[in-house]
Structure formats: C-alpha cells, structure tokens
Amino acid sequence: MYGDYDQALQYSNKIDEIFCYVECNLIPIYHIFYQTLAITGKLANESNEIKSQYYKQLQKKLAQLKFYAEGCADNFMGLYLLAQAEILCLKGKYTEALHLYNNAIEATRKNGFIQFEALSNELCGRCLLTIENQASAELAIKQACQLYIKWGAFAKVKTMAKQYPTVINASDIEEIMKLDSMGRPQENITIDLRSLLKASQSISGEISLNQLIKKLLDILTENIGAQRTILILENKNKLYVQGECTTDSSEPARILSSIPLENKT
C-alpha cells in the first residue's frame, strides 16, 4: 500500500516458507492478494520482456484468488477483480482493466470493505495516469484519499501526496486531514478514544443498568463538551428517550421512563 514493492516482495517470499504452519485460512488469501499487487507494482515501469517473465506466476496467483472468490464472493470477489485488473493494466489492456477496476470498486463498496474500495480507486487512478487521462485519474485518487481518511489511514494519505504530486496537492491533503469521517476536527478523535476507555472502565465496574446509563451519560457529556446529552433507544421501530444529562451541576444525569422522542423537547 505504500509503494515499497521490493521490500514487500522480500518479506512475502519469506512468508511463503512458513505457510505450511499457518492454520488460519484468511492469512494466505490476503498474502496472495498483496503479493500479486506487489509484483504488478514492481513491474509497472519494466520492459515488456521482463513483464512477460512474471505472467505465468501472476496467472497462478489469480487462479488461487478466483478459487476463494467463487467460494465466498462477498468477502473475496473484490480482491480477485482488483488483482485481475492490475494484471490487465500491466499487459496494456487498459479498456478491460478499467472495467474490472470499476467492478472491484462496486464489489468492495457493496460489502463494506472500505480499505479495499480505497485501494481499488487508487489503483484505478494509477492506471488512468498510465494512459494520461489526468482528469479521471484525479477523481479516482481523490476519492481514494477520502476513503483512506474515513478508514483512518492518515499516514497512507500523506504518502499519496508524495506519490501523486501532479494529482493531489499536499496542502489540500493537510486540510482534509484536519477532519475525520464525521467532519469533526481531528483532535476530537483523541477525545472519543478517551471517552471509550473511560466508559469501558465504568461498564466493567457497574452492575445496575440505571447507574451504568448515568455514568455513560456523564462521561460522554464531559468528554465531547456538550451542554446536553440525550440517550435515545429504539423499541419496536419507535424511538424513546431513555436518559439525559446536562452540564448544570444541580441537574445530574437522570433516567427517564421511555419517553417517546416526538414528545420530548
């Protein structure tokens, strides 16, 4: 993902030697996938003669990914389509490749794999740069940046500013980095983590449901800087206000008797 293909292949070749000891079925799948991308990435600027020496190896890996994709399309079809698109792009079959990049984007989005949706957009953009389609490449790579940020891969986005200087501006990236996926300042991410840690301690030491709710409301109100926090729960397709907390010390967090949301002001 960071473009260091030589190091990626160096370590992946070492991993090949220990696969006989790996019991988890998921690890080999992702290893094959990323190894394929590392090979295609490394060969991108090589001559056709050198590329042809790797086609047999790439087709073997593609066949392995196809096996997994046919067994569980929801999890692995996007990976297979993306690997196939990369190989076609490497061979100069750009029209077919772009079609598969689009299919990979749709498959990963549909099944909620935001990191692979981001990667699919990025590699599609890279292929578009190869054929000098600057405008479309810019759209794809900027979409990838937004998805990486939503996933939390901020270091990756900073790296992309260096990898694609003609497409994305470093100053624009820094501005985007100030916001998380909810459009809040990045500093609030730390606050949220602190809230979660503090809340987890309360949960572990609290048995009474009412006291637990009060503690959680107190913690959230304190850490997000809200003047008023309301707990809304769903019951039989209707929303009810179950508790509230305000910053007024004379009115601590209190439990409410399932007041319908439409009746609460």
C-alpha atoms as a PDB file:
ATOM      1  CA  MET A   1       0.000   0.000   0.000  1.00  0.00           C
ATOM      2  CA  TYR A   2       2.963   2.327   0.494  1.00  0.00           C
ATOM      3  CA  GLY A   3       4.679   1.553  -2.808  1.00  0.00           C
ATOM      4  CA  ASP A   4       7.786  -0.191  -1.425  1.00  0.00           C
ATOM      5  CA  TYR A   5       7.394  -3.203  -3.691  1.00  0.00           C
ATOM      6  CA  ASP A   6      10.917  -4.594  -3.326  1.00  0.00           C
ATOM      7  CA  GLN A   7      10.662  -4.815   0.457  1.00  0.00           C
ATOM      8  CA  ALA A   8       7.125  -6.171   0.246  1.00  0.00           C
ATOM      9  CA  LEU A   9       8.256  -8.977  -2.054  1.00  0.00           C
ATOM     10  CA  GLN A  10      11.301  -9.683   0.094  1.00  0.00           C
ATOM     11  CA  TYR A  11       9.154 -10.305   3.150  1.00  0.00           C
ATOM     12  CA  SER A  12       6.367 -12.065   1.265  1.00  0.00           C
ATOM     13  CA  ASN A  13       8.863 -14.579  -0.119  1.00  0.00           C
ATOM     14  CA  LYS A  14       9.975 -15.343   3.428  1.00  0.00           C
ATOM     15  CA  ILE A  15       6.360 -15.843   4.457  1.00  0.00           C
ATOM     16  CA  ASP A  16       5.923 -18.370   1.631  1.00  0.00           C
ATOM     17  CA  GLU A  17       8.317 -20.640   3.514  1.00  0.00           C
ATOM     18  CA  ILE A  18       6.140 -20.826   6.658  1.00  0.00           C
ATOM     19  CA  PHE A  19       2.668 -21.201   5.180  1.00  0.00           C
ATOM     20  CA  CYS A  20       2.638 -24.901   5.969  1.00  0.00           C
ATOM     21  CA  TYR A  21       2.492 -23.915   9.660  1.00  0.00           C
ATOM     22  CA  VAL A  22      -0.369 -21.414   9.274  1.00  0.00           C
ATOM     23  CA  GLU A  23      -3.786 -22.754  10.254  1.00  0.00           C
ATOM     24  CA  CYS A  24      -5.859 -19.610   9.607  1.00  0.00           C
ATOM     25  CA  ASN A  25      -7.350 -19.706   6.092  1.00  0.00           C
ATOM     26  CA  LEU A  26      -7.627 -15.914   5.787  1.00  0.00           C
ATOM     27  CA  ILE A  27      -3.895 -15.167   6.036  1.00  0.00           C
ATOM     28  CA  PRO A  28      -2.903 -16.984   2.801  1.00  0.00           C
ATOM     29  CA  ILE A  29      -5.694 -15.234   0.868  1.00  0.00           C
ATOM     30  CA  TYR A  30      -4.534 -11.751   1.773  1.00  0.00           C
ATOM     31  CA  HIS A  31      -0.916 -12.768   1.334  1.00  0.00           C
ATOM     32  CA  ILE A  32      -1.591 -13.926  -2.238  1.00  0.00           C
ATOM     33  CA  PHE A  33      -3.550 -10.751  -2.939  1.00  0.00           C
ATOM     34  CA  TYR A  34      -0.920  -8.314  -1.685  1.00  0.00           C
ATOM     35  CA  GLN A  35       1.889 -10.343  -3.239  1.00  0.00           C
ATOM     36  CA  THR A  36       0.130 -10.043  -6.600  1.00  0.00           C
ATOM     37  CA  LEU A  37      -0.175  -6.276  -6.198  1.00  0.00           C
ATOM     38  CA  ALA A  38       3.473  -6.015  -5.159  1.00  0.00           C
ATOM     39  CA  ILE A  39       4.572  -7.860  -8.310  1.00  0.00           C
ATOM     40  CA  THR A  40       2.391  -5.768 -10.644  1.00  0.00           C
ATOM     41  CA  GLY A  41       3.514  -2.588  -8.897  1.00  0.00           C
ATOM     42  CA  LYS A  42       7.178  -3.503  -9.217  1.00  0.00           C
ATOM     43  CA  LEU A  43       6.793  -4.383 -12.911  1.00  0.00           C
ATOM     44  CA  ALA A  44       4.821  -1.263 -13.857  1.00  0.00           C
ATOM     45  CA  ASN A  45       7.865   0.546 -15.267  1.00  0.00           C
ATOM     46  CA  GLU A  46       9.718  -2.512 -16.588  1.00  0.00           C
ATOM     47  CA  SER A  47      10.043  -3.571 -20.213  1.00  0.00           C
ATOM     48  CA  ASN A  48       7.546  -5.928 -21.810  1.00  0.00           C
ATOM     49  CA  GLU A  49      10.237  -8.589 -21.949  1.00  0.00           C
ATOM     50  CA  ILE A  50      10.733  -8.511 -18.180  1.00  0.00           C
ATOM     51  CA  LYS A  51       6.979  -8.332 -17.560  1.00  0.00           C
ATOM     52  CA  SER A  52       6.388 -11.462 -19.646  1.00  0.00           C
ATOM     53  CA  GLN A  53       8.655 -13.453 -17.325  1.00  0.00           C
ATOM     54  CA  TYR A  54       6.165 -12.971 -14.497  1.00  0.00           C
ATOM     55  CA  TYR A  55       2.872 -13.563 -16.312  1.00  0.00           C
ATOM     56  CA  LYS A  56       2.790 -17.275 -15.553  1.00  0.00           C
ATOM     57  CA  GLN A  57       3.354 -16.625 -11.840  1.00  0.00           C
ATOM     58  CA  LEU A  58       0.674 -13.915 -11.803  1.00  0.00           C
ATOM     59  CA  GLN A  59      -1.869 -16.140 -13.547  1.00  0.00           C
ATOM     60  CA  LYS A  60      -1.265 -18.841 -10.947  1.00  0.00           C
ATOM     61  CA  LYS A  61      -1.956 -16.383  -8.144  1.00  0.00           C
ATOM     62  CA  LEU A  62      -5.017 -15.080  -9.955  1.00  0.00           C
ATOM     63  CA  ALA A  63      -6.368 -18.637 -10.216  1.00  0.00           C
ATOM     64  CA  GLN A  64      -5.939 -19.027  -6.441  1.00  0.00           C
ATOM     65  CA  LEU A  65      -7.805 -15.795  -5.773  1.00  0.00           C
ATOM     66  CA  LYS A  66     -10.567 -16.874  -8.164  1.00  0.00           C
ATOM     67  CA  PHE A  67     -10.987 -20.089  -6.163  1.00  0.00           C
ATOM     68  CA  TYR A  68     -11.548 -18.112  -2.966  1.00  0.00           C
ATOM     69  CA  ALA A  69     -13.799 -15.588  -4.716  1.00  0.00           C
ATOM     70  CA  GLU A  70     -16.052 -18.323  -6.063  1.00  0.00           C
ATOM     71  CA  GLY A  71     -16.235 -19.862  -2.597  1.00  0.00           C
ATOM     72  CA  CYS A  72     -17.174 -16.602  -0.868  1.00  0.00           C
ATOM     73  CA  ALA A  73     -17.914 -13.788  -3.289  1.00  0.00           C
ATOM     74  CA  ASP A  74     -18.951 -11.290  -0.603  1.00  0.00           C
ATOM     75  CA  ASN A  75     -15.529 -11.410   1.042  1.00  0.00           C
ATOM     76  CA  PHE A  76     -13.143 -12.039  -1.830  1.00  0.00           C
ATOM     77  CA  MET A  77     -14.661 -11.153  -5.212  1.00  0.00           C
ATOM     78  CA  GLY A  78     -13.458  -7.553  -4.911  1.00  0.00           C
ATOM     79  CA  LEU A  79      -9.892  -8.730  -4.282  1.00  0.00           C
ATOM     80  CA  TYR A  80      -9.979 -11.068  -7.270  1.00  0.00           C
ATOM     81  CA  LEU A  81     -11.367  -8.377  -9.596  1.00  0.00           C
ATOM     82  CA  LEU A  82      -8.771  -5.854  -8.444  1.00  0.00           C
ATOM     83  CA  ALA A  83      -5.872  -8.286  -8.924  1.00  0.00           C
ATOM     84  CA  GLN A  84      -7.210  -9.187 -12.367  1.00  0.00           C
ATOM     85  CA  ALA A  85      -7.494  -5.503 -13.278  1.00  0.00           C
ATOM     86  CA  GLU A  86      -3.878  -4.887 -12.234  1.00  0.00           C
ATOM     87  CA  ILE A  87      -2.615  -7.728 -14.412  1.00  0.00           C
ATOM     88  CA  LEU A  88      -4.587  -6.476 -17.420  1.00  0.00           C
ATOM     89  CA  CYS A  89      -3.257  -2.956 -16.877  1.00  0.00           C
ATOM     90  CA  LEU A  90       0.253  -4.383 -16.745  1.00  0.00           C
ATOM     91  CA  LYS A  91      -0.369  -6.077 -20.101  1.00  0.00           C
ATOM     92  CA  GLY A  92      -1.593  -2.825 -21.613  1.00  0.00           C
ATOM     93  CA  LYS A  93      -5.214  -3.968 -21.915  1.00  0.00           C
ATOM     94  CA  TYR A  94      -6.492  -0.722 -20.431  1.00  0.00           C
ATOM     95  CA  THR A  95     -10.140  -0.813 -21.502  1.00  0.00           C
ATOM     96  CA  GLU A  96     -10.678  -4.247 -19.940  1.00  0.00           C
ATOM     97  CA  ALA A  97      -8.679  -3.244 -16.897  1.00  0.00           C
ATOM     98  CA  LEU A  98     -10.720  -0.101 -16.235  1.00  0.00           C
ATOM     99  CA  HIS A  99     -13.926  -2.113 -16.467  1.00  0.00           C
ATOM    100  CA  LEU A 100     -12.635  -4.503 -13.805  1.00  0.00           C
ATOM    101  CA  TYR A 101     -11.391  -1.678 -11.575  1.00  0.00           C
ATOM    102  CA  ASN A 102     -14.925  -0.310 -11.607  1.00  0.00           C
ATOM    103  CA  ASN A 103     -16.338  -3.749 -10.768  1.00  0.00           C
ATOM    104  CA  ALA A 104     -13.834  -4.086  -7.913  1.00  0.00           C
ATOM    105  CA  ILE A 105     -14.868  -0.689  -6.541  1.00  0.00           C
ATOM    106  CA  GLU A 106     -18.540  -1.684  -6.646  1.00  0.00           C
ATOM    107  CA  ALA A 107     -17.916  -5.097  -5.059  1.00  0.00           C
ATOM    108  CA  THR A 108     -15.832  -3.744  -2.182  1.00  0.00           C
ATOM    109  CA  ARG A 109     -18.259  -0.879  -1.541  1.00  0.00           C
ATOM    110  CA  LYS A 110     -21.249  -3.206  -1.564  1.00  0.00           C
ATOM    111  CA  ASN A 111     -19.687  -5.481   1.044  1.00  0.00           C
ATOM    112  CA  GLY A 112     -18.327  -2.736   3.287  1.00  0.00           C
ATOM    113  CA  PHE A 113     -14.574  -3.186   2.720  1.00  0.00           C
ATOM    114  CA  ILE A 114     -13.673   0.493   2.758  1.00  0.00           C
ATOM    115  CA  GLN A 115      -9.912  -0.151   2.726  1.00  0.00           C
ATOM    116  CA  PHE A 116     -10.177  -2.215  -0.451  1.00  0.00           C
ATOM    117  CA  GLU A 117     -12.601   0.267  -2.013  1.00  0.00           C
ATOM    118  CA  ALA A 118      -9.970   2.943  -1.364  1.00  0.00           C
ATOM    119  CA  LEU A 119      -7.233   0.745  -2.824  1.00  0.00           C
ATOM    120  CA  SER A 120      -9.350  -0.036  -5.893  1.00  0.00           C
ATOM    121  CA  ASN A 121      -9.871   3.680  -6.525  1.00  0.00           C
ATOM    122  CA  GLU A 122      -6.172   4.400  -6.059  1.00  0.00           C
ATOM    123  CA  LEU A 123      -5.003   1.686  -8.452  1.00  0.00           C
ATOM    124  CA  CYS A 124      -7.664   2.672 -10.967  1.00  0.00           C
ATOM    125  CA  GLY A 125      -6.323   6.218 -10.778  1.00  0.00           C
ATOM    126  CA  ARG A 126      -2.785   4.961 -11.290  1.00  0.00           C
ATOM    127  CA  CYS A 127      -3.862   3.055 -14.392  1.00  0.00           C
ATOM    128  CA  LEU A 128      -5.584   6.198 -15.714  1.00  0.00           C
ATOM    129  CA  LEU A 129      -2.345   8.116 -15.217  1.00  0.00           C
ATOM    130  CA  THR A 130      -0.585   5.488 -17.331  1.00  0.00           C
ATOM    131  CA  ILE A 131      -2.839   6.325 -20.267  1.00  0.00           C
ATOM    132  CA  GLU A 132      -2.567  10.048 -19.449  1.00  0.00           C
ATOM    133  CA  ASN A 133      -6.201  10.503 -18.509  1.00  0.00           C
ATOM    134  CA  GLN A 134      -5.362  13.149 -15.914  1.00  0.00           C
ATOM    135  CA  ALA A 135      -8.897  14.357 -15.148  1.00  0.00           C
ATOM    136  CA  SER A 136     -10.321  10.904 -14.430  1.00  0.00           C
ATOM    137  CA  ALA A 137      -7.190   9.902 -12.523  1.00  0.00           C
ATOM    138  CA  GLU A 138      -7.567  12.930 -10.274  1.00  0.00           C
ATOM    139  CA  LEU A 139     -11.165  11.988  -9.437  1.00  0.00           C
ATOM    140  CA  ALA A 140     -10.251   8.380  -8.637  1.00  0.00           C
ATOM    141  CA  ILE A 141      -7.213   9.209  -6.493  1.00  0.00           C
ATOM    142  CA  LYS A 142      -9.005  11.951  -4.557  1.00  0.00           C
ATOM    143  CA  GLN A 143     -11.849   9.510  -3.910  1.00  0.00           C
ATOM    144  CA  ALA A 144      -9.251   7.041  -2.631  1.00  0.00           C
ATOM    145  CA  CYS A 145      -7.871   9.717  -0.274  1.00  0.00           C
ATOM    146  CA  GLN A 146     -11.308  10.398   1.162  1.00  0.00           C
ATOM    147  CA  LEU A 147     -11.908   6.701   1.751  1.00  0.00           C
ATOM    148  CA  TYR A 148      -8.490   6.179   3.347  1.00  0.00           C
ATOM    149  CA  ILE A 149      -9.202   9.099   5.687  1.00  0.00           C
ATOM    150  CA  LYS A 150     -12.584   7.635   6.555  1.00  0.00           C
ATOM    151  CA  TRP A 151     -10.824   4.335   7.306  1.00  0.00           C
ATOM    152  CA  GLY A 152      -8.287   6.179   9.456  1.00  0.00           C
ATOM    153  CA  ALA A 153      -5.221   5.623   7.252  1.00  0.00           C
ATOM    154  CA  PHE A 154      -3.849   9.143   7.619  1.00  0.00           C
ATOM    155  CA  ALA A 155      -0.206   8.143   7.061  1.00  0.00           C
ATOM    156  CA  LYS A 156      -1.206   6.488   3.793  1.00  0.00           C
ATOM    157  CA  VAL A 157      -2.850   9.692   2.575  1.00  0.00           C
ATOM    158  CA  LYS A 158       0.278  11.709   3.377  1.00  0.00           C
ATOM    159  CA  THR A 159       2.292   9.204   1.359  1.00  0.00           C
ATOM    160  CA  MET A 160      -0.099   9.551  -1.585  1.00  0.00           C
ATOM    161  CA  ALA A 161       0.578  13.284  -1.734  1.00  0.00           C
ATOM    162  CA  LYS A 162       4.200  12.391  -2.490  1.00  0.00           C
ATOM    163  CA  GLN A 163       3.354   9.530  -4.849  1.00  0.00           C
ATOM    164  CA  TYR A 164       0.908  11.552  -6.983  1.00  0.00           C
ATOM    165  CA  PRO A 165       2.137  15.175  -6.857  1.00  0.00           C
ATOM    166  CA  THR A 166       0.527  16.035 -10.203  1.00  0.00           C
ATOM    167  CA  VAL A 167      -2.876  14.854  -8.984  1.00  0.00           C
ATOM    168  CA  ILE A 168      -3.209  15.877  -5.336  1.00  0.00           C
ATOM    169  CA  ASN A 169      -1.762  18.866  -3.555  1.00  0.00           C
ATOM    170  CA  ALA A 170      -0.005  18.350  -0.220  1.00  0.00           C
ATOM    171  CA  SER A 171      -1.650  21.429   1.270  1.00  0.00           C
ATOM    172  CA  ASP A 172      -5.081  20.114   0.274  1.00  0.00           C
ATOM    173  CA  ILE A 173      -4.284  16.814   1.977  1.00  0.00           C
ATOM    174  CA  GLU A 174      -3.305  18.594   5.197  1.00  0.00           C
ATOM    175  CA  GLU A 175      -6.614  20.438   5.162  1.00  0.00           C
ATOM    176  CA  ILE A 176      -8.578  17.232   4.635  1.00  0.00           C
ATOM    177  CA  MET A 177      -6.593  15.536   7.382  1.00  0.00           C
ATOM    178  CA  LYS A 178      -7.982  18.009   9.909  1.00  0.00           C
ATOM    179  CA  LEU A 179     -11.372  16.384   9.530  1.00  0.00           C
ATOM    180  CA  ASP A 180     -12.377  12.846  10.301  1.00  0.00           C
ATOM    181  CA  SER A 181     -15.170  10.984   8.541  1.00  0.00           C
ATOM    182  CA  MET A 182     -17.830  12.821  10.585  1.00  0.00           C
ATOM    183  CA  GLY A 183     -16.483  16.235   9.616  1.00  0.00           C
ATOM    184  CA  ARG A 184     -15.180  16.990  13.100  1.00  0.00           C
ATOM    185  CA  PRO A 185     -11.730  18.324  13.999  1.00  0.00           C
ATOM    186  CA  GLN A 186      -9.199  15.519  14.207  1.00  0.00           C
ATOM    187  CA  GLU A 187      -8.409  16.380  17.837  1.00  0.00           C
ATOM    188  CA  ASN A 188     -11.862  15.035  18.700  1.00  0.00           C
ATOM    189  CA  ILE A 189     -10.700  11.547  17.709  1.00  0.00           C
ATOM    190  CA  THR A 190      -8.489  11.523  20.816  1.00  0.00           C
ATOM    191  CA  ILE A 191     -11.395  12.723  22.922  1.00  0.00           C
ATOM    192  CA  ASP A 192     -13.586   9.936  21.605  1.00  0.00           C
ATOM    193  CA  LEU A 193     -10.959   7.301  22.408  1.00  0.00           C
ATOM    194  CA  ARG A 194     -10.591   8.683  25.903  1.00  0.00           C
ATOM    195  CA  SER A 195     -14.363   8.541  26.317  1.00  0.00           C
ATOM    196  CA  LEU A 196     -14.430   4.912  25.190  1.00  0.00           C
ATOM    197  CA  LEU A 197     -11.657   3.906  27.574  1.00  0.00           C
ATOM    198  CA  LYS A 198     -13.285   5.670  30.482  1.00  0.00           C
ATOM    199  CA  ALA A 199     -16.665   4.212  29.575  1.00  0.00           C
ATOM    200  CA  SER A 200     -15.227   0.681  29.399  1.00  0.00           C
ATOM    201  CA  GLN A 201     -13.910   1.073  32.955  1.00  0.00           C
ATOM    202  CA  SER A 202     -17.359   2.147  34.120  1.00  0.00           C
ATOM    203  CA  ILE A 203     -19.025  -0.786  32.399  1.00  0.00           C
ATOM    204  CA  SER A 204     -16.652  -3.290  33.989  1.00  0.00           C
ATOM    205  CA  GLY A 205     -17.388  -1.949  37.470  1.00  0.00           C
ATOM    206  CA  GLU A 206     -21.107  -1.295  37.188  1.00  0.00           C
ATOM    207  CA  ILE A 207     -23.945  -3.789  37.632  1.00  0.00           C
ATOM    208  CA  SER A 208     -27.037  -1.568  37.955  1.00  0.00           C
ATOM    209  CA  LEU A 209     -28.336  -0.672  34.478  1.00  0.00           C
ATOM    210  CA  ASN A 210     -29.641   2.698  35.627  1.00  0.00           C
ATOM    211  CA  GLN A 211     -26.343   3.610  37.291  1.00  0.00           C
ATOM    212  CA  LEU A 212     -24.454   2.427  34.213  1.00  0.00           C
ATOM    213  CA  ILE A 213     -26.533   4.663  31.941  1.00  0.00           C
ATOM    214  CA  LYS A 214     -25.975   7.631  34.256  1.00  0.00           C
ATOM    215  CA  LYS A 215     -22.226   7.079  34.262  1.00  0.00           C
ATOM    216  CA  LEU A 216     -22.063   6.761  30.489  1.00  0.00           C
ATOM    217  CA  LEU A 217     -24.066   9.954  30.028  1.00  0.00           C
ATOM    218  CA  ASP A 218     -21.797  11.783  32.478  1.00  0.00           C
ATOM    219  CA  ILE A 219     -18.662  10.568  30.682  1.00  0.00           C
ATOM    220  CA  LEU A 220     -19.922  11.443  27.206  1.00  0.00           C
ATOM    221  CA  THR A 221     -21.138  14.879  28.260  1.00  0.00           C
ATOM    222  CA  GLU A 222     -17.804  15.656  29.891  1.00  0.00           C
ATOM    223  CA  ASN A 223     -15.606  14.482  27.025  1.00  0.00           C
ATOM    224  CA  ILE A 224     -17.484  15.790  23.988  1.00  0.00           C
ATOM    225  CA  GLY A 225     -18.061  19.168  25.619  1.00  0.00           C
ATOM    226  CA  ALA A 226     -21.828  19.002  25.197  1.00  0.00           C
ATOM    227  CA  GLN A 227     -24.246  21.134  27.172  1.00  0.00           C
ATOM    228  CA  ARG A 228     -26.856  18.410  26.945  1.00  0.00           C
ATOM    229  CA  THR A 229     -26.633  14.708  26.132  1.00  0.00           C
ATOM    230  CA  ILE A 230     -29.648  12.504  25.431  1.00  0.00           C
ATOM    231  CA  LEU A 231     -29.770   8.708  25.211  1.00  0.00           C
ATOM    232  CA  ILE A 232     -32.247   7.512  22.557  1.00  0.00           C
ATOM    233  CA  LEU A 233     -33.090   3.820  22.209  1.00  0.00           C
ATOM    234  CA  GLU A 234     -35.222   2.003  19.670  1.00  0.00           C
ATOM    235  CA  ASN A 235     -38.072  -0.270  20.698  1.00  0.00           C
ATOM    236  CA  LYS A 236     -40.489  -1.844  18.230  1.00  0.00           C
ATOM    237  CA  ASN A 237     -39.468   0.549  15.438  1.00  0.00           C
ATOM    238  CA  LYS A 238     -40.061   3.603  17.622  1.00  0.00           C
ATOM    239  CA  LEU A 239     -37.509   5.890  19.273  1.00  0.00           C
ATOM    240  CA  TYR A 240     -37.643   6.628  23.001  1.00  0.00           C
ATOM    241  CA  VAL A 241     -35.630   8.997  25.186  1.00  0.00           C
ATOM    242  CA  GLN A 242     -34.191   6.841  27.966  1.00  0.00           C
ATOM    243  CA  GLY A 243     -31.924   9.308  29.758  1.00  0.00           C
ATOM    244  CA  GLU A 244     -30.376  12.746  29.650  1.00  0.00           C
ATOM    245  CA  CYS A 245     -27.543  14.729  31.179  1.00  0.00           C
ATOM    246  CA  THR A 246     -26.756  18.446  31.241  1.00  0.00           C
ATOM    247  CA  THR A 247     -23.729  20.460  32.284  1.00  0.00           C
ATOM    248  CA  ASP A 248     -25.788  22.053  35.055  1.00  0.00           C
ATOM    249  CA  SER A 249     -24.292  20.526  38.216  1.00  0.00           C
ATOM    250  CA  SER A 250     -27.617  20.938  40.012  1.00  0.00           C
ATOM    251  CA  GLU A 251     -29.254  18.602  37.491  1.00  0.00           C
ATOM    252  CA  PRO A 252     -27.096  15.449  37.130  1.00  0.00           C
ATOM    253  CA  ALA A 253     -27.707  12.638  34.667  1.00  0.00           C
ATOM    254  CA  ARG A 254     -31.155  11.160  35.107  1.00  0.00           C
ATOM    255  CA  ILE A 255     -33.059   8.147  33.843  1.00  0.00           C
ATOM    256  CA  LEU A 256     -36.319   8.749  32.002  1.00  0.00           C
ATOM    257  CA  SER A 257     -39.237   6.361  31.634  1.00  0.00           C
ATOM    258  CA  SER A 258     -39.022   5.689  27.900  1.00  0.00           C
ATOM    259  CA  ILE A 259     -40.487   8.977  26.710  1.00  0.00           C
ATOM    260  CA  PRO A 260     -41.410   8.886  23.000  1.00  0.00           C
ATOM    261  CA  LEU A 261     -38.981  11.057  21.064  1.00  0.00           C
ATOM    262  CA  GLU A 262     -41.745  13.097  19.435  1.00  0.00           C
ATOM    263  CA  ASN A 263     -42.979  14.100  22.926  1.00  0.00           C
ATOM    264  CA  LYS A 264     -39.530  15.228  24.125  1.00  0.00           C
ATOM    265  CA  THR A 265     -38.380  18.810  23.575  1.00  0.00           C
END
